[in-house]
Each structure stands twice: as C-alpha cells, then as structure tokens.
C-alpha cells in the first residue's frame, strides 16, 4: 500500500521523475510486485491445509519473497545513490529497463552490489529487534541471538557501503562540505548502530529505527 501511495503521489507531484524512474526500473518494479504477491499468497494459503508439506512450502515462499524484497530495495537505493543515467529527453538508460541503452559509468555496480546484502542484514536485524521488543521467553531469546549476529553484518556492510559511496559518488562529500548540517545523518546512523548494542527491549529497536533513518 505504501508503494502504491508513493507511486501515486510521485505521478501527480513529479510526473517527469515518475516517467524516468519507472522507465529505467520497470523490470525490477515488476519483480517487486510479484514478490509482494508471493508474500500475500503465502500468508493467505499457509493455513488452508494441515499438512507437513503444505505449511513448510509456503513458509519458504514467504521467507524467500521477503529476503529478495530486501535485496531489491537495498540494490535500488544503491543505484539511486550512484546515479541513474538520463538523456536529453529525461529517458533513463539504466540497464534495468526493457528499452535500455546502458551508458558506461565509473566502477559500475560497486554501490548496488553491497547494497543488496546491506539491505538484508539491516532489515533482518530490525525485524529481530522488533520481535525482542514484542515477544517473550524462547522466541525472544532466538530473536536476540539473530539480532546479535546480524549486527556484525550490518556494521561491516555499513563500512563497505560508505567507502563504495565515496568512491562512486564523490558529490556526496562535496554536498557535506557545502552543507555541514548534513553530517547529522551519518552521526544519527552511527549513534543508532552503537545504541543497538546497549541492550534492553525497546531501546535497541528505537536505535535501529534511528540507524535506518540516518542511513
């Protein structure tokens, strides 16, 4: 629903941006929609039959669709940071589109490749911390264990994505020098990453929220 609302608002507020973005990322957008459909089907059909084959199958469908969505969202964000090539008519030449004419770019794919795993690690940690906040006993302990393991991946991939961003898109540093208030965001992300390790139930989840907003 958020994707539909965002697309509708983008269409009415910035139609040129909408046209350029959707022409360049048409295939990934279709894949995202099918993955969302897969999640919905898995939730709906999982409990229709009490079978040792039926339920695990739809558990795999739900988990796989969710993981692939996180990969696509992370990769898409990396591509946006790297920059989407537009011609004089504002038509995208991103290699993700059905009518693409890829333009050579320095260090192709350096950002969006770690962006996918970073998205998975970040959302895995975020979901686990939500379970720590909302559940008790064995499930809470399992979620804490997953969150602790995911934190190391998030920390490592944050460093990788940051370095890759500075290499591929030096305009980021130029913007920070021109607008020093922008350092609030990396500071927020770093504070959130550290805050996750402080322990508790609600605080780590709120720290994870701050990390995602900062990133």
N, C-alpha and C. Protein backbone atom coordinates (compact mmCIF):
# COMPACT_ATOMS: atom_id res chain seq x y z
N UNK A 1 0.83 -1.20 0.00
CA UNK A 1 0.00 0.00 0.00
C UNK A 1 0.87 1.26 0.00
N UNK A 2 1.99 1.19 0.76
CA UNK A 2 2.88 2.35 0.77
C UNK A 2 3.50 2.57 -0.62
N UNK A 3 3.85 1.48 -1.31
CA UNK A 3 4.42 1.61 -2.65
C UNK A 3 3.41 2.22 -3.61
N UNK A 4 2.14 1.77 -3.53
CA UNK A 4 1.11 2.32 -4.39
C UNK A 4 0.87 3.80 -4.08
N UNK A 5 0.82 4.13 -2.79
CA UNK A 5 0.62 5.52 -2.40
C UNK A 5 1.78 6.40 -2.87
N UNK A 6 3.02 5.89 -2.66
CA UNK A 6 4.19 6.65 -3.09
C UNK A 6 4.22 6.85 -4.60
N UNK A 7 3.87 5.79 -5.35
CA UNK A 7 3.84 5.92 -6.81
C UNK A 7 2.78 6.90 -7.27
N UNK A 8 1.60 6.87 -6.62
CA UNK A 8 0.54 7.81 -6.99
C UNK A 8 0.91 9.25 -6.72
N UNK A 9 1.50 9.49 -5.54
CA UNK A 9 1.92 10.86 -5.20
C UNK A 9 3.02 11.32 -6.15
N UNK A 10 3.97 10.43 -6.48
CA UNK A 10 5.05 10.78 -7.39
C UNK A 10 4.50 11.13 -8.77
N UNK A 11 3.49 10.39 -9.21
CA UNK A 11 2.90 10.64 -10.53
C UNK A 11 2.29 12.03 -10.61
N UNK A 12 1.57 12.45 -9.56
CA UNK A 12 0.90 13.75 -9.60
C UNK A 12 1.84 14.90 -9.26
N UNK A 13 2.82 14.67 -8.37
CA UNK A 13 3.69 15.76 -7.94
C UNK A 13 4.87 15.97 -8.89
N UNK A 14 5.48 14.87 -9.34
CA UNK A 14 6.67 14.96 -10.20
C UNK A 14 6.52 13.98 -11.36
N UNK A 15 5.67 14.29 -12.33
CA UNK A 15 5.40 13.33 -13.42
C UNK A 15 6.64 12.99 -14.25
N UNK A 16 7.54 13.96 -14.45
CA UNK A 16 8.75 13.68 -15.24
C UNK A 16 9.65 12.69 -14.50
N UNK A 17 9.79 12.88 -13.18
CA UNK A 17 10.59 11.96 -12.38
C UNK A 17 9.95 10.57 -12.37
N UNK A 18 8.64 10.54 -12.27
CA UNK A 18 7.91 9.27 -12.28
C UNK A 18 8.17 8.51 -13.59
N UNK A 19 8.06 9.22 -14.71
CA UNK A 19 8.25 8.58 -16.02
C UNK A 19 9.68 8.08 -16.18
N UNK A 20 10.65 8.90 -15.79
CA UNK A 20 12.05 8.50 -15.94
C UNK A 20 12.39 7.31 -15.05
N UNK A 21 11.93 7.36 -13.81
CA UNK A 21 12.25 6.29 -12.87
C UNK A 21 11.62 4.97 -13.28
N UNK A 22 10.34 5.02 -13.66
CA UNK A 22 9.66 3.77 -13.96
C UNK A 22 10.08 3.20 -15.30
N UNK A 23 10.54 4.05 -16.22
CA UNK A 23 11.05 3.51 -17.47
C UNK A 23 12.38 2.82 -17.27
N UNK A 24 13.20 3.33 -16.33
CA UNK A 24 14.51 2.74 -16.09
C UNK A 24 14.47 1.52 -15.20
N UNK A 25 13.49 1.48 -14.28
CA UNK A 25 13.44 0.39 -13.31
C UNK A 25 12.15 -0.43 -13.48
N UNK A 26 11.72 -0.57 -14.73
CA UNK A 26 10.46 -1.27 -14.98
C UNK A 26 10.55 -2.74 -14.57
N UNK A 27 11.61 -3.42 -15.00
CA UNK A 27 11.75 -4.84 -14.68
C UNK A 27 11.89 -5.08 -13.18
N UNK A 28 12.78 -4.35 -12.47
CA UNK A 28 12.83 -4.55 -11.01
C UNK A 28 11.50 -4.25 -10.32
N UNK A 29 10.76 -3.25 -10.82
CA UNK A 29 9.47 -2.93 -10.21
C UNK A 29 8.50 -4.08 -10.37
N UNK A 30 8.48 -4.70 -11.55
CA UNK A 30 7.61 -5.85 -11.75
C UNK A 30 8.00 -7.00 -10.82
N UNK A 31 9.31 -7.19 -10.64
CA UNK A 31 9.77 -8.25 -9.75
C UNK A 31 9.34 -7.98 -8.30
N UNK A 32 9.43 -6.71 -7.89
CA UNK A 32 8.99 -6.35 -6.54
C UNK A 32 7.50 -6.63 -6.37
N UNK A 33 6.70 -6.30 -7.36
CA UNK A 33 5.26 -6.54 -7.27
C UNK A 33 4.97 -8.03 -7.17
N UNK A 34 5.67 -8.85 -7.95
CA UNK A 34 5.45 -10.30 -7.88
C UNK A 34 5.88 -10.85 -6.53
N UNK A 35 6.96 -10.31 -5.97
CA UNK A 35 7.40 -10.77 -4.65
C UNK A 35 6.39 -10.37 -3.57
N UNK A 36 5.81 -9.18 -3.69
CA UNK A 36 4.76 -8.78 -2.74
C UNK A 36 3.54 -9.70 -2.87
N UNK A 37 3.22 -10.07 -4.11
CA UNK A 37 2.11 -11.01 -4.33
C UNK A 37 2.45 -12.36 -3.70
N UNK A 38 3.71 -12.80 -3.85
CA UNK A 38 4.12 -14.06 -3.24
C UNK A 38 3.97 -14.06 -1.74
N UNK A 39 4.31 -12.96 -1.10
CA UNK A 39 4.14 -12.84 0.35
C UNK A 39 2.66 -12.94 0.73
N UNK A 40 1.82 -12.23 0.00
CA UNK A 40 0.39 -12.26 0.31
C UNK A 40 -0.22 -13.64 0.11
N UNK A 41 0.18 -14.31 -0.97
CA UNK A 41 -0.33 -15.66 -1.23
C UNK A 41 0.11 -16.61 -0.12
N UNK A 42 1.37 -16.50 0.30
CA UNK A 42 1.89 -17.39 1.35
C UNK A 42 1.12 -17.21 2.65
N UNK A 43 0.84 -15.96 3.02
CA UNK A 43 0.10 -15.70 4.26
C UNK A 43 -1.33 -16.26 4.15
N UNK A 44 -1.94 -16.07 2.99
CA UNK A 44 -3.33 -16.49 2.82
C UNK A 44 -3.48 -18.01 2.78
N UNK A 45 -2.59 -18.71 2.08
CA UNK A 45 -2.77 -20.13 1.83
C UNK A 45 -2.10 -21.03 2.87
N UNK A 46 -1.24 -20.47 3.71
CA UNK A 46 -0.45 -21.30 4.62
C UNK A 46 -1.31 -22.18 5.52
N UNK A 47 -2.40 -21.66 6.03
CA UNK A 47 -3.22 -22.39 6.99
C UNK A 47 -4.44 -23.07 6.37
N UNK A 48 -4.48 -23.15 5.05
CA UNK A 48 -5.63 -23.79 4.41
C UNK A 48 -5.62 -25.30 4.58
N UNK A 49 -4.42 -25.91 4.66
CA UNK A 49 -4.31 -27.35 4.84
C UNK A 49 -3.33 -27.63 5.97
N UNK A 50 -3.67 -28.60 6.80
CA UNK A 50 -2.78 -29.02 7.88
C UNK A 50 -1.95 -30.20 7.37
N UNK A 51 -0.85 -29.86 6.70
CA UNK A 51 -0.03 -30.88 6.06
C UNK A 51 1.44 -30.59 6.34
N UNK A 52 2.27 -31.64 6.55
CA UNK A 52 3.70 -31.43 6.78
C UNK A 52 4.43 -30.90 5.56
N UNK A 53 3.79 -30.95 4.38
CA UNK A 53 4.40 -30.41 3.17
C UNK A 53 3.86 -29.02 2.85
N UNK A 54 2.56 -28.80 3.08
CA UNK A 54 1.88 -27.57 2.68
C UNK A 54 2.44 -26.35 3.43
N UNK A 55 2.45 -26.39 4.74
CA UNK A 55 2.86 -25.23 5.53
C UNK A 55 4.34 -24.87 5.33
N UNK A 56 5.27 -25.85 5.40
CA UNK A 56 6.67 -25.51 5.15
C UNK A 56 6.91 -24.91 3.77
N UNK A 57 6.15 -25.38 2.77
CA UNK A 57 6.31 -24.83 1.42
C UNK A 57 6.00 -23.33 1.40
N UNK A 58 4.89 -22.94 2.01
CA UNK A 58 4.52 -21.53 2.00
C UNK A 58 5.36 -20.71 2.97
N UNK A 59 5.94 -21.37 3.99
CA UNK A 59 6.92 -20.67 4.83
C UNK A 59 8.14 -20.29 4.00
N UNK A 60 8.58 -21.22 3.14
CA UNK A 60 9.73 -20.94 2.26
C UNK A 60 9.40 -19.84 1.27
N UNK A 61 8.17 -19.88 0.71
CA UNK A 61 7.75 -18.84 -0.23
C UNK A 61 7.76 -17.47 0.45
N UNK A 62 7.22 -17.41 1.66
CA UNK A 62 7.16 -16.14 2.38
C UNK A 62 8.57 -15.63 2.71
N UNK A 63 9.42 -16.54 3.26
CA UNK A 63 10.78 -16.13 3.63
C UNK A 63 11.60 -15.73 2.41
N UNK A 64 11.48 -16.51 1.33
CA UNK A 64 12.24 -16.18 0.12
C UNK A 64 11.80 -14.87 -0.50
N UNK A 65 10.49 -14.63 -0.57
CA UNK A 65 9.98 -13.37 -1.12
C UNK A 65 10.44 -12.19 -0.28
N UNK A 66 10.41 -12.36 1.05
CA UNK A 66 10.82 -11.27 1.94
C UNK A 66 12.30 -10.96 1.77
N UNK A 67 13.14 -12.00 1.69
CA UNK A 67 14.58 -11.79 1.55
C UNK A 67 14.91 -11.13 0.22
N UNK A 68 14.26 -11.57 -0.86
CA UNK A 68 14.52 -10.98 -2.17
C UNK A 68 14.05 -9.53 -2.23
N UNK A 69 12.94 -9.22 -1.55
CA UNK A 69 12.49 -7.82 -1.48
C UNK A 69 13.54 -6.94 -0.82
N UNK A 70 14.13 -7.43 0.28
CA UNK A 70 15.17 -6.66 0.96
C UNK A 70 16.37 -6.46 0.06
N UNK A 71 16.74 -7.49 -0.71
CA UNK A 71 17.86 -7.37 -1.64
C UNK A 71 17.56 -6.32 -2.70
N UNK A 72 16.34 -6.37 -3.27
CA UNK A 72 15.98 -5.41 -4.32
C UNK A 72 15.94 -3.98 -3.80
N UNK A 73 15.39 -3.79 -2.60
CA UNK A 73 15.30 -2.43 -2.05
C UNK A 73 16.70 -1.88 -1.76
N UNK A 74 17.59 -2.71 -1.21
CA UNK A 74 18.95 -2.27 -0.95
C UNK A 74 19.70 -1.94 -2.24
N UNK A 75 19.54 -2.80 -3.25
CA UNK A 75 20.20 -2.55 -4.53
C UNK A 75 19.64 -1.31 -5.21
N UNK A 76 18.31 -1.11 -5.11
CA UNK A 76 17.70 0.07 -5.73
C UNK A 76 18.22 1.35 -5.07
N UNK A 77 18.33 1.34 -3.74
CA UNK A 77 18.86 2.52 -3.05
C UNK A 77 20.30 2.79 -3.47
N UNK A 78 21.09 1.71 -3.62
CA UNK A 78 22.47 1.88 -4.08
C UNK A 78 22.54 2.48 -5.47
N UNK A 79 21.63 2.06 -6.36
CA UNK A 79 21.59 2.61 -7.71
C UNK A 79 21.21 4.08 -7.71
N UNK A 80 20.28 4.44 -6.83
CA UNK A 80 19.88 5.85 -6.75
C UNK A 80 21.05 6.71 -6.28
N UNK A 81 21.80 6.20 -5.28
CA UNK A 81 22.96 6.95 -4.79
C UNK A 81 24.02 7.09 -5.89
N UNK A 82 24.23 6.01 -6.64
CA UNK A 82 25.23 6.03 -7.71
C UNK A 82 24.82 7.00 -8.81
N UNK A 83 23.51 7.06 -9.07
CA UNK A 83 23.02 7.95 -10.12
C UNK A 83 22.40 7.16 -11.26
N UNK A 84 21.27 7.64 -11.77
CA UNK A 84 20.59 6.99 -12.88
C UNK A 84 20.82 7.80 -14.14
N UNK A 85 21.42 7.23 -15.18
CA UNK A 85 21.73 8.00 -16.39
C UNK A 85 20.46 8.40 -17.14
N UNK A 86 20.32 9.69 -17.43
CA UNK A 86 19.19 10.22 -18.19
C UNK A 86 19.71 10.96 -19.41
N UNK A 87 19.00 10.81 -20.54
CA UNK A 87 19.41 11.55 -21.73
C UNK A 87 18.72 12.91 -21.78
N UNK A 88 18.82 13.60 -22.91
CA UNK A 88 18.29 14.96 -23.01
C UNK A 88 16.78 15.01 -22.91
N UNK A 89 16.11 13.88 -23.15
CA UNK A 89 14.65 13.84 -23.05
C UNK A 89 14.20 13.26 -21.72
N UNK A 90 15.13 13.13 -20.77
CA UNK A 90 14.85 12.60 -19.44
C UNK A 90 14.42 11.13 -19.47
N UNK A 91 14.87 10.42 -20.52
CA UNK A 91 14.62 8.98 -20.61
C UNK A 91 15.78 8.23 -19.98
N UNK A 92 15.46 7.28 -19.13
CA UNK A 92 16.51 6.54 -18.43
C UNK A 92 17.20 5.57 -19.37
N UNK A 93 18.52 5.48 -19.25
CA UNK A 93 19.29 4.47 -19.98
C UNK A 93 19.88 3.47 -19.01
N UNK A 94 19.20 3.30 -17.86
CA UNK A 94 19.65 2.33 -16.87
C UNK A 94 19.51 0.93 -17.45
N UNK A 95 20.51 0.05 -17.25
CA UNK A 95 20.43 -1.31 -17.80
C UNK A 95 19.34 -2.16 -17.19
N UNK A 96 18.56 -1.59 -16.24
CA UNK A 96 17.46 -2.36 -15.63
C UNK A 96 16.20 -2.29 -16.47
N UNK A 97 16.14 -1.40 -17.44
CA UNK A 97 14.91 -1.16 -18.17
C UNK A 97 14.78 -2.01 -19.41
N UNK A 98 13.55 -2.18 -19.92
CA UNK A 98 13.33 -3.01 -21.10
C UNK A 98 13.85 -2.37 -22.38
N UNK A 99 14.00 -1.03 -22.39
CA UNK A 99 14.50 -0.33 -23.58
C UNK A 99 15.81 0.35 -23.26
N UNK A 100 16.65 -0.36 -22.53
CA UNK A 100 17.86 0.26 -22.01
C UNK A 100 18.93 0.39 -23.08
N UNK A 101 19.74 1.41 -22.90
CA UNK A 101 20.94 1.60 -23.71
C UNK A 101 22.03 2.01 -22.74
N UNK A 102 22.63 1.04 -22.03
CA UNK A 102 23.48 1.36 -20.89
C UNK A 102 24.62 2.29 -21.25
N UNK A 103 24.77 3.31 -20.43
CA UNK A 103 25.89 4.23 -20.59
C UNK A 103 27.01 3.82 -19.65
N UNK A 104 28.28 3.89 -20.11
CA UNK A 104 29.38 3.50 -19.23
C UNK A 104 29.49 4.43 -18.04
N UNK A 105 29.65 3.85 -16.85
CA UNK A 105 29.82 4.64 -15.64
C UNK A 105 31.03 4.13 -14.90
N UNK A 106 31.75 4.99 -14.15
CA UNK A 106 32.91 4.52 -13.41
C UNK A 106 32.51 3.55 -12.31
N UNK A 107 33.30 2.51 -12.13
CA UNK A 107 33.05 1.49 -11.11
C UNK A 107 31.61 0.98 -11.16
N UNK A 108 31.18 0.42 -12.31
CA UNK A 108 29.77 0.01 -12.41
C UNK A 108 29.44 -1.05 -11.37
N UNK A 109 28.33 -0.82 -10.68
CA UNK A 109 27.82 -1.80 -9.75
C UNK A 109 28.47 -1.82 -8.39
N UNK A 110 29.44 -0.94 -8.13
CA UNK A 110 30.16 -1.01 -6.88
C UNK A 110 29.27 -0.70 -5.70
N UNK A 111 28.29 0.18 -5.88
CA UNK A 111 27.40 0.52 -4.78
C UNK A 111 26.27 -0.49 -4.66
N UNK A 112 25.63 -0.83 -5.79
CA UNK A 112 24.42 -1.63 -5.63
C UNK A 112 24.73 -3.07 -5.28
N UNK A 113 25.94 -3.56 -5.51
CA UNK A 113 26.25 -4.94 -5.12
C UNK A 113 26.27 -5.11 -3.60
N UNK A 114 27.00 -4.29 -2.85
CA UNK A 114 26.88 -4.41 -1.39
C UNK A 114 25.56 -3.87 -0.84
N UNK A 115 24.86 -3.07 -1.65
CA UNK A 115 23.59 -2.51 -1.19
C UNK A 115 22.56 -3.58 -0.91
N UNK A 116 22.52 -4.63 -1.74
CA UNK A 116 21.57 -5.72 -1.53
C UNK A 116 21.79 -6.46 -0.23
N UNK A 117 23.01 -7.00 0.00
CA UNK A 117 23.27 -7.65 1.29
C UNK A 117 23.10 -6.72 2.49
N UNK A 118 23.44 -5.44 2.32
CA UNK A 118 23.26 -4.50 3.42
C UNK A 118 21.79 -4.33 3.75
N UNK A 119 20.94 -4.31 2.73
CA UNK A 119 19.51 -4.23 2.97
C UNK A 119 18.98 -5.45 3.72
N UNK A 120 19.45 -6.64 3.33
CA UNK A 120 19.01 -7.86 4.00
C UNK A 120 19.45 -7.86 5.47
N UNK A 121 20.73 -7.53 5.71
CA UNK A 121 21.25 -7.54 7.08
C UNK A 121 20.52 -6.52 7.95
N UNK A 122 20.30 -5.33 7.40
CA UNK A 122 19.65 -4.26 8.17
C UNK A 122 18.22 -4.64 8.54
N UNK A 123 17.46 -5.16 7.57
CA UNK A 123 16.07 -5.49 7.85
C UNK A 123 15.94 -6.76 8.68
N UNK A 124 16.90 -7.68 8.55
CA UNK A 124 16.90 -8.86 9.43
C UNK A 124 17.11 -8.42 10.88
N UNK A 125 18.08 -7.55 11.09
CA UNK A 125 18.33 -7.03 12.43
C UNK A 125 17.11 -6.26 12.96
N UNK A 126 16.51 -5.44 12.11
CA UNK A 126 15.38 -4.62 12.53
C UNK A 126 14.19 -5.50 12.92
N UNK A 127 13.91 -6.52 12.11
CA UNK A 127 12.81 -7.42 12.43
C UNK A 127 13.06 -8.21 13.70
N UNK A 128 14.31 -8.66 13.88
CA UNK A 128 14.65 -9.41 15.09
C UNK A 128 14.49 -8.54 16.34
N UNK A 129 14.91 -7.29 16.24
CA UNK A 129 14.77 -6.39 17.39
C UNK A 129 13.30 -6.09 17.69
N UNK A 130 12.48 -6.05 16.65
CA UNK A 130 11.04 -5.88 16.86
C UNK A 130 10.47 -7.07 17.63
N UNK A 131 10.92 -8.29 17.28
CA UNK A 131 10.48 -9.48 17.99
C UNK A 131 10.96 -9.48 19.44
N UNK A 132 12.19 -9.01 19.66
CA UNK A 132 12.69 -8.89 21.04
C UNK A 132 11.79 -7.96 21.84
N UNK A 133 11.34 -6.89 21.21
CA UNK A 133 10.50 -5.90 21.87
C UNK A 133 9.10 -6.43 22.16
N UNK A 134 8.57 -7.28 21.27
CA UNK A 134 7.16 -7.66 21.34
C UNK A 134 6.90 -9.06 21.88
N UNK A 135 7.95 -9.88 22.05
CA UNK A 135 7.71 -11.26 22.47
C UNK A 135 8.44 -11.57 23.77
N UNK A 136 8.29 -12.80 24.24
CA UNK A 136 8.91 -13.22 25.49
C UNK A 136 9.46 -14.63 25.35
N UNK A 137 10.21 -15.04 26.38
CA UNK A 137 10.68 -16.42 26.55
C UNK A 137 11.54 -16.88 25.37
N UNK A 138 11.23 -18.09 24.83
CA UNK A 138 12.11 -18.71 23.84
C UNK A 138 12.20 -17.90 22.56
N UNK A 139 11.08 -17.38 22.08
CA UNK A 139 11.09 -16.60 20.84
C UNK A 139 11.92 -15.34 21.01
N UNK A 140 11.81 -14.70 22.15
CA UNK A 140 12.61 -13.50 22.41
C UNK A 140 14.10 -13.85 22.42
N UNK A 141 14.47 -14.97 23.04
CA UNK A 141 15.87 -15.37 23.08
C UNK A 141 16.41 -15.68 21.69
N UNK A 142 15.61 -16.36 20.87
CA UNK A 142 16.03 -16.64 19.49
C UNK A 142 16.20 -15.34 18.70
N UNK A 143 15.28 -14.41 18.89
CA UNK A 143 15.37 -13.13 18.18
C UNK A 143 16.60 -12.35 18.62
N UNK A 144 16.92 -12.38 19.91
CA UNK A 144 18.13 -11.70 20.40
C UNK A 144 19.38 -12.28 19.76
N UNK A 145 19.42 -13.60 19.63
CA UNK A 145 20.58 -14.25 19.01
C UNK A 145 20.73 -13.83 17.55
N UNK A 146 19.61 -13.81 16.81
CA UNK A 146 19.64 -13.39 15.41
C UNK A 146 20.07 -11.93 15.30
N UNK A 147 19.55 -11.07 16.18
CA UNK A 147 19.89 -9.65 16.15
C UNK A 147 21.38 -9.44 16.41
N UNK A 148 21.94 -10.20 17.36
CA UNK A 148 23.37 -10.06 17.65
C UNK A 148 24.23 -10.46 16.45
N UNK A 149 23.87 -11.56 15.81
CA UNK A 149 24.63 -11.99 14.63
C UNK A 149 24.48 -11.01 13.48
N UNK A 150 23.26 -10.51 13.28
CA UNK A 150 23.02 -9.57 12.18
C UNK A 150 23.76 -8.26 12.40
N UNK A 151 23.97 -7.87 13.66
CA UNK A 151 24.60 -6.58 13.95
C UNK A 151 26.01 -6.53 13.35
N UNK A 152 26.76 -7.63 13.44
CA UNK A 152 28.12 -7.63 12.90
C UNK A 152 28.09 -7.47 11.37
N UNK A 153 27.13 -8.12 10.73
CA UNK A 153 27.00 -7.94 9.29
C UNK A 153 26.62 -6.52 8.93
N UNK A 154 25.71 -5.93 9.70
CA UNK A 154 25.30 -4.54 9.44
C UNK A 154 26.48 -3.60 9.61
N UNK A 155 27.26 -3.78 10.67
CA UNK A 155 28.39 -2.89 10.92
C UNK A 155 29.43 -2.99 9.80
N UNK A 156 29.74 -4.23 9.38
CA UNK A 156 30.73 -4.42 8.32
C UNK A 156 30.23 -3.85 6.99
N UNK A 157 28.97 -4.14 6.65
CA UNK A 157 28.44 -3.67 5.38
C UNK A 157 28.22 -2.16 5.37
N UNK A 158 27.96 -1.57 6.53
CA UNK A 158 27.87 -0.11 6.60
C UNK A 158 29.19 0.52 6.17
N UNK A 159 30.30 -0.04 6.67
CA UNK A 159 31.61 0.48 6.29
C UNK A 159 31.85 0.29 4.80
N UNK A 160 31.50 -0.89 4.27
CA UNK A 160 31.72 -1.17 2.84
C UNK A 160 30.90 -0.22 1.97
N UNK A 161 29.61 -0.07 2.31
CA UNK A 161 28.73 0.79 1.52
C UNK A 161 29.19 2.24 1.59
N UNK A 162 29.66 2.69 2.76
CA UNK A 162 30.11 4.07 2.91
C UNK A 162 31.33 4.34 2.03
N UNK A 163 32.30 3.44 2.07
CA UNK A 163 33.51 3.60 1.25
C UNK A 163 33.16 3.56 -0.23
N UNK A 164 32.30 2.60 -0.62
CA UNK A 164 31.90 2.49 -2.02
C UNK A 164 31.17 3.74 -2.49
N UNK A 165 30.34 4.30 -1.64
CA UNK A 165 29.60 5.51 -2.00
C UNK A 165 30.55 6.68 -2.25
N UNK A 166 31.55 6.83 -1.39
CA UNK A 166 32.50 7.92 -1.55
C UNK A 166 33.33 7.77 -2.83
N UNK A 167 33.60 6.53 -3.23
CA UNK A 167 34.38 6.29 -4.46
C UNK A 167 33.54 6.57 -5.70
N UNK A 168 32.32 6.03 -5.71
CA UNK A 168 31.48 6.11 -6.90
C UNK A 168 30.80 7.46 -7.04
N UNK A 169 30.42 8.06 -5.92
CA UNK A 169 29.66 9.31 -5.96
C UNK A 169 30.34 10.36 -5.08
N UNK A 170 31.45 10.96 -5.56
CA UNK A 170 32.16 11.97 -4.76
C UNK A 170 31.32 13.21 -4.46
N UNK A 171 30.20 13.37 -5.18
CA UNK A 171 29.33 14.52 -4.93
C UNK A 171 28.77 14.49 -3.52
N UNK A 172 28.71 13.28 -2.91
CA UNK A 172 28.22 13.18 -1.54
C UNK A 172 29.10 13.98 -0.59
N UNK A 173 30.42 13.82 -0.69
CA UNK A 173 31.35 14.57 0.15
C UNK A 173 31.28 16.06 -0.15
N UNK A 174 31.14 16.39 -1.44
CA UNK A 174 31.04 17.80 -1.81
C UNK A 174 29.79 18.43 -1.19
N UNK A 175 28.70 17.70 -1.18
CA UNK A 175 27.46 18.21 -0.59
C UNK A 175 27.61 18.39 0.92
N UNK A 176 28.31 17.45 1.57
CA UNK A 176 28.51 17.57 3.02
C UNK A 176 29.38 18.78 3.36
N UNK A 177 30.40 19.04 2.51
CA UNK A 177 31.24 20.22 2.76
C UNK A 177 30.45 21.50 2.54
N UNK A 178 29.55 21.48 1.56
CA UNK A 178 28.76 22.68 1.27
C UNK A 178 27.65 22.87 2.30
N UNK A 179 27.15 21.79 2.86
CA UNK A 179 26.05 21.85 3.83
C UNK A 179 26.44 21.03 5.05
N UNK A 180 27.23 21.58 5.97
CA UNK A 180 27.72 20.79 7.12
C UNK A 180 26.63 20.21 7.99
N UNK A 181 25.42 20.80 7.97
CA UNK A 181 24.34 20.24 8.78
C UNK A 181 24.00 18.83 8.34
N UNK A 182 24.40 18.45 7.13
CA UNK A 182 24.13 17.12 6.63
C UNK A 182 24.83 16.03 7.40
N UNK A 183 25.88 16.40 8.18
CA UNK A 183 26.58 15.39 9.00
C UNK A 183 25.68 14.85 10.11
N UNK A 184 24.53 15.49 10.33
CA UNK A 184 23.58 14.97 11.31
C UNK A 184 23.16 13.54 10.96
N UNK A 185 23.03 13.25 9.66
CA UNK A 185 22.52 11.93 9.25
C UNK A 185 23.53 10.81 9.47
N UNK A 186 24.79 10.93 9.03
CA UNK A 186 25.74 9.86 9.38
C UNK A 186 25.96 9.75 10.88
N UNK A 187 25.90 10.87 11.60
CA UNK A 187 26.03 10.81 13.05
C UNK A 187 24.85 10.05 13.67
N UNK A 188 23.65 10.26 13.13
CA UNK A 188 22.48 9.55 13.62
C UNK A 188 22.60 8.05 13.35
N UNK A 189 23.09 7.70 12.15
CA UNK A 189 23.26 6.29 11.81
C UNK A 189 24.29 5.63 12.72
N UNK A 190 25.40 6.32 12.97
CA UNK A 190 26.43 5.76 13.84
C UNK A 190 25.93 5.62 15.27
N UNK A 191 25.22 6.63 15.75
CA UNK A 191 24.66 6.56 17.11
C UNK A 191 23.65 5.42 17.22
N UNK A 192 22.84 5.24 16.18
CA UNK A 192 21.88 4.14 16.19
C UNK A 192 22.57 2.79 16.20
N UNK A 193 23.64 2.65 15.41
CA UNK A 193 24.37 1.39 15.35
C UNK A 193 24.98 1.05 16.71
N UNK A 194 25.53 2.06 17.38
CA UNK A 194 26.09 1.84 18.71
C UNK A 194 24.99 1.57 19.73
N UNK A 195 23.87 2.30 19.62
CA UNK A 195 22.79 2.16 20.57
C UNK A 195 22.15 0.78 20.56
N UNK A 196 22.20 0.10 19.42
CA UNK A 196 21.62 -1.24 19.33
C UNK A 196 22.31 -2.20 20.30
N UNK A 197 23.60 -1.96 20.58
CA UNK A 197 24.37 -2.86 21.44
C UNK A 197 24.21 -2.56 22.92
N UNK A 198 23.44 -1.55 23.28
CA UNK A 198 23.32 -1.17 24.68
C UNK A 198 22.40 -2.08 25.47
N UNK A 199 21.62 -2.90 24.79
CA UNK A 199 20.75 -3.84 25.50
C UNK A 199 19.39 -3.27 25.80
N UNK A 200 18.56 -4.12 26.40
CA UNK A 200 17.18 -3.73 26.69
C UNK A 200 16.23 -4.33 25.67
N UNK A 201 15.01 -3.84 25.65
CA UNK A 201 14.00 -4.34 24.72
C UNK A 201 13.57 -3.26 23.72
N UNK A 202 13.03 -2.16 24.22
CA UNK A 202 12.56 -1.10 23.33
C UNK A 202 13.72 -0.27 22.77
N UNK A 203 14.75 -0.01 23.59
CA UNK A 203 15.84 0.88 23.15
C UNK A 203 16.58 0.38 21.92
N UNK A 204 16.95 -0.91 21.84
CA UNK A 204 17.63 -1.37 20.62
C UNK A 204 16.78 -1.20 19.36
N UNK A 205 15.47 -1.43 19.47
CA UNK A 205 14.61 -1.27 18.31
C UNK A 205 14.55 0.20 17.89
N UNK A 206 14.42 1.10 18.85
CA UNK A 206 14.40 2.52 18.52
C UNK A 206 15.75 2.96 17.95
N UNK A 207 16.85 2.38 18.45
CA UNK A 207 18.17 2.69 17.90
C UNK A 207 18.27 2.21 16.46
N UNK A 208 17.68 1.03 16.17
CA UNK A 208 17.67 0.52 14.80
C UNK A 208 16.88 1.45 13.88
N UNK A 209 15.76 1.98 14.37
CA UNK A 209 14.99 2.97 13.61
C UNK A 209 15.85 4.18 13.27
N UNK A 210 16.61 4.66 14.28
CA UNK A 210 17.48 5.82 14.06
C UNK A 210 18.56 5.50 13.03
N UNK A 211 19.10 4.30 13.10
CA UNK A 211 20.13 3.90 12.13
C UNK A 211 19.59 3.91 10.71
N UNK A 212 18.38 3.35 10.52
CA UNK A 212 17.80 3.30 9.18
C UNK A 212 17.51 4.70 8.66
N UNK A 213 16.96 5.57 9.51
CA UNK A 213 16.69 6.95 9.11
C UNK A 213 17.99 7.67 8.74
N UNK A 214 19.02 7.47 9.55
CA UNK A 214 20.30 8.12 9.28
C UNK A 214 20.93 7.65 7.99
N UNK A 215 20.87 6.35 7.74
CA UNK A 215 21.45 5.81 6.50
C UNK A 215 20.67 6.31 5.28
